[in-house]
Amino acid sequence: MNVYLIHTLCRRVLHDREFRELILRDPEAAVASMPFSQEERAALLAGDVALLHREGVSAFLLLILSRFEVFGLVLPVFNRRMRTGMSD
């Protein structure tokens, strides 16, 4: 798992308005624009924050995805997935 690359995506969502608009409009295209592995791509698109966190991704940076409701991650969903370790 390329933790640095996932952290980069989270920071882009926060700071790059054009990228944020793209990821909200077409998440698959936004994720495809970065060199993620199939496993990383699948976890991101599924909003599987528990898996990403277990693999070493910062919970603080993942929370950015919830802030902007990327990948369907509204705050209650984000919290439940992080707490239970499951993606629903």
C-alpha atoms as a PDB file:
ATOM      1  CA  MET A   1       0.000   0.000   0.000  1.00  0.00           C
ATOM      2  CA  ASN A   2       1.445   3.350  -1.026  1.00  0.00           C
ATOM      3  CA  VAL A   3       0.513   5.368   2.056  1.00  0.00           C
ATOM      4  CA  TYR A   4       2.274   8.483   0.796  1.00  0.00           C
ATOM      5  CA  LEU A   5       0.214   8.480  -2.416  1.00  0.00           C
ATOM      6  CA  ILE A   6      -3.041   8.135  -0.492  1.00  0.00           C
ATOM      7  CA  HIS A   7      -1.977  10.963   1.813  1.00  0.00           C
ATOM      8  CA  THR A   8      -1.303  13.002  -1.331  1.00  0.00           C
ATOM      9  CA  LEU A   9      -4.830  12.335  -2.594  1.00  0.00           C
ATOM     10  CA  CYS A  10      -6.282  13.473   0.742  1.00  0.00           C
ATOM     11  CA  ARG A  11      -4.243  16.667   0.686  1.00  0.00           C
ATOM     12  CA  ARG A  12      -5.282  17.310  -2.930  1.00  0.00           C
ATOM     13  CA  VAL A  13      -8.932  16.983  -1.919  1.00  0.00           C
ATOM     14  CA  LEU A  14      -8.339  19.606   0.765  1.00  0.00           C
ATOM     15  CA  HIS A  15      -6.224  22.097  -1.181  1.00  0.00           C
ATOM     16  CA  ASP A  16      -6.917  21.586  -4.914  1.00  0.00           C
ATOM     17  CA  ARG A  17     -10.428  22.800  -5.719  1.00  0.00           C
ATOM     18  CA  GLU A  18     -10.381  21.490  -9.292  1.00  0.00           C
ATOM     19  CA  PHE A  19      -9.325  18.022  -8.146  1.00  0.00           C
ATOM     20  CA  ARG A  20     -11.966  18.101  -5.398  1.00  0.00           C
ATOM     21  CA  GLU A  21     -14.652  18.965  -7.944  1.00  0.00           C
ATOM     22  CA  LEU A  22     -13.437  16.129 -10.192  1.00  0.00           C
ATOM     23  CA  ILE A  23     -13.405  13.554  -7.404  1.00  0.00           C
ATOM     24  CA  LEU A  24     -16.927  14.535  -6.375  1.00  0.00           C
ATOM     25  CA  ARG A  25     -18.175  14.462  -9.966  1.00  0.00           C
ATOM     26  CA  ASP A  26     -16.263  11.409 -11.218  1.00  0.00           C
ATOM     27  CA  PRO A  27     -14.386   9.565  -8.469  1.00  0.00           C
ATOM     28  CA  GLU A  28     -13.155   6.826 -10.803  1.00  0.00           C
ATOM     29  CA  ALA A  29     -11.538   9.345 -13.156  1.00  0.00           C
ATOM     30  CA  ALA A  30      -9.950  11.237 -10.280  1.00  0.00           C
ATOM     31  CA  VAL A  31      -8.482   8.074  -8.763  1.00  0.00           C
ATOM     32  CA  ALA A  32      -7.367   6.863 -12.211  1.00  0.00           C
ATOM     33  CA  SER A  33      -5.425  10.109 -12.665  1.00  0.00           C
ATOM     34  CA  MET A  34      -3.005   8.940  -9.960  1.00  0.00           C
ATOM     35  CA  PRO A  35      -0.813   5.801 -10.076  1.00  0.00           C
ATOM     36  CA  PHE A  36      -2.717   3.681  -7.534  1.00  0.00           C
ATOM     37  CA  SER A  37      -2.585  -0.106  -7.468  1.00  0.00           C
ATOM     38  CA  GLN A  38      -5.805  -2.019  -8.069  1.00  0.00           C
ATOM     39  CA  GLU A  39      -6.069  -2.733  -4.317  1.00  0.00           C
ATOM     40  CA  GLU A  40      -5.647   0.949  -3.430  1.00  0.00           C
ATOM     41  CA  ARG A  41      -8.080   2.041  -6.114  1.00  0.00           C
ATOM     42  CA  ALA A  42     -10.721  -0.453  -4.947  1.00  0.00           C
ATOM     43  CA  ALA A  43     -10.346   0.552  -1.282  1.00  0.00           C
ATOM     44  CA  LEU A  44     -10.605   4.247  -2.089  1.00  0.00           C
ATOM     45  CA  LEU A  45     -13.625   3.933  -4.357  1.00  0.00           C
ATOM     46  CA  ALA A  46     -15.372   1.726  -1.785  1.00  0.00           C
ATOM     47  CA  GLY A  47     -14.602   4.258   0.944  1.00  0.00           C
ATOM     48  CA  ASP A  48     -12.924   1.479   2.929  1.00  0.00           C
ATOM     49  CA  VAL A  49     -11.225   3.776   5.411  1.00  0.00           C
ATOM     50  CA  ALA A  50     -10.793   0.951   7.935  1.00  0.00           C
ATOM     51  CA  LEU A  51      -8.627  -1.040   5.524  1.00  0.00           C
ATOM     52  CA  LEU A  52      -6.664   2.044   4.507  1.00  0.00           C
ATOM     53  CA  HIS A  53      -6.066   2.935   8.152  1.00  0.00           C
ATOM     54  CA  ARG A  54      -4.973  -0.626   9.016  1.00  0.00           C
ATOM     55  CA  GLU A  55      -2.477  -0.372   6.177  1.00  0.00           C
ATOM     56  CA  GLY A  56      -0.975   2.782   7.699  1.00  0.00           C
ATOM     57  CA  VAL A  57      -2.913   5.689   6.213  1.00  0.00           C
ATOM     58  CA  SER A  58      -3.408   8.560   8.669  1.00  0.00           C
ATOM     59  CA  ALA A  59      -6.910   8.691  10.158  1.00  0.00           C
ATOM     60  CA  PHE A  60      -6.537  12.470  10.359  1.00  0.00           C
ATOM     61  CA  LEU A  61      -5.925  12.734   6.613  1.00  0.00           C
ATOM     62  CA  LEU A  62      -8.673  10.219   5.807  1.00  0.00           C
ATOM     63  CA  LEU A  63     -11.066  12.442   7.740  1.00  0.00           C
ATOM     64  CA  ILE A  64     -10.607  15.044   4.980  1.00  0.00           C
ATOM     65  CA  LEU A  65     -12.491  12.675   2.660  1.00  0.00           C
ATOM     66  CA  SER A  66     -15.396  12.736   5.085  1.00  0.00           C
ATOM     67  CA  ARG A  67     -15.282  16.512   5.388  1.00  0.00           C
ATOM     68  CA  PHE A  68     -16.001  16.802   1.655  1.00  0.00           C
ATOM     69  CA  GLU A  69     -18.142  13.629   1.506  1.00  0.00           C
ATOM     70  CA  VAL A  70     -15.815  11.975  -0.998  1.00  0.00           C
ATOM     71  CA  PHE A  71     -16.550   8.312  -1.847  1.00  0.00           C
ATOM     72  CA  GLY A  72     -19.850   8.558   0.065  1.00  0.00           C
ATOM     73  CA  LEU A  73     -18.028   9.120   3.327  1.00  0.00           C
ATOM     74  CA  VAL A  74     -20.411  11.242   5.339  1.00  0.00           C
ATOM     75  CA  LEU A  75     -19.230  11.597   8.947  1.00  0.00           C
ATOM     76  CA  PRO A  76     -21.502   8.926  10.513  1.00  0.00           C
ATOM     77  CA  VAL A  77     -20.419   6.404   7.855  1.00  0.00           C
ATOM     78  CA  PHE A  78     -16.748   7.300   8.312  1.00  0.00           C
ATOM     79  CA  ASN A  79     -17.038   6.937  12.096  1.00  0.00           C
ATOM     80  CA  ARG A  80     -18.862   3.599  11.886  1.00  0.00           C
ATOM     81  CA  ARG A  81     -16.339   2.144   9.450  1.00  0.00           C
ATOM     82  CA  MET A  82     -13.373   3.296  11.514  1.00  0.00           C
ATOM     83  CA  ARG A  83     -14.930   2.048  14.746  1.00  0.00           C
ATOM     84  CA  THR A  84     -16.071  -1.353  13.464  1.00  0.00           C
ATOM     85  CA  GLY A  85     -13.275  -1.942  10.960  1.00  0.00           C
ATOM     86  CA  MET A  86     -15.807  -2.794   8.258  1.00  0.00           C
ATOM     87  CA  SER A  87     -16.973  -1.106   5.078  1.00  0.00           C
ATOM     88  CA  ASP A  88     -20.695  -1.902   5.656  1.00  0.00           C
END
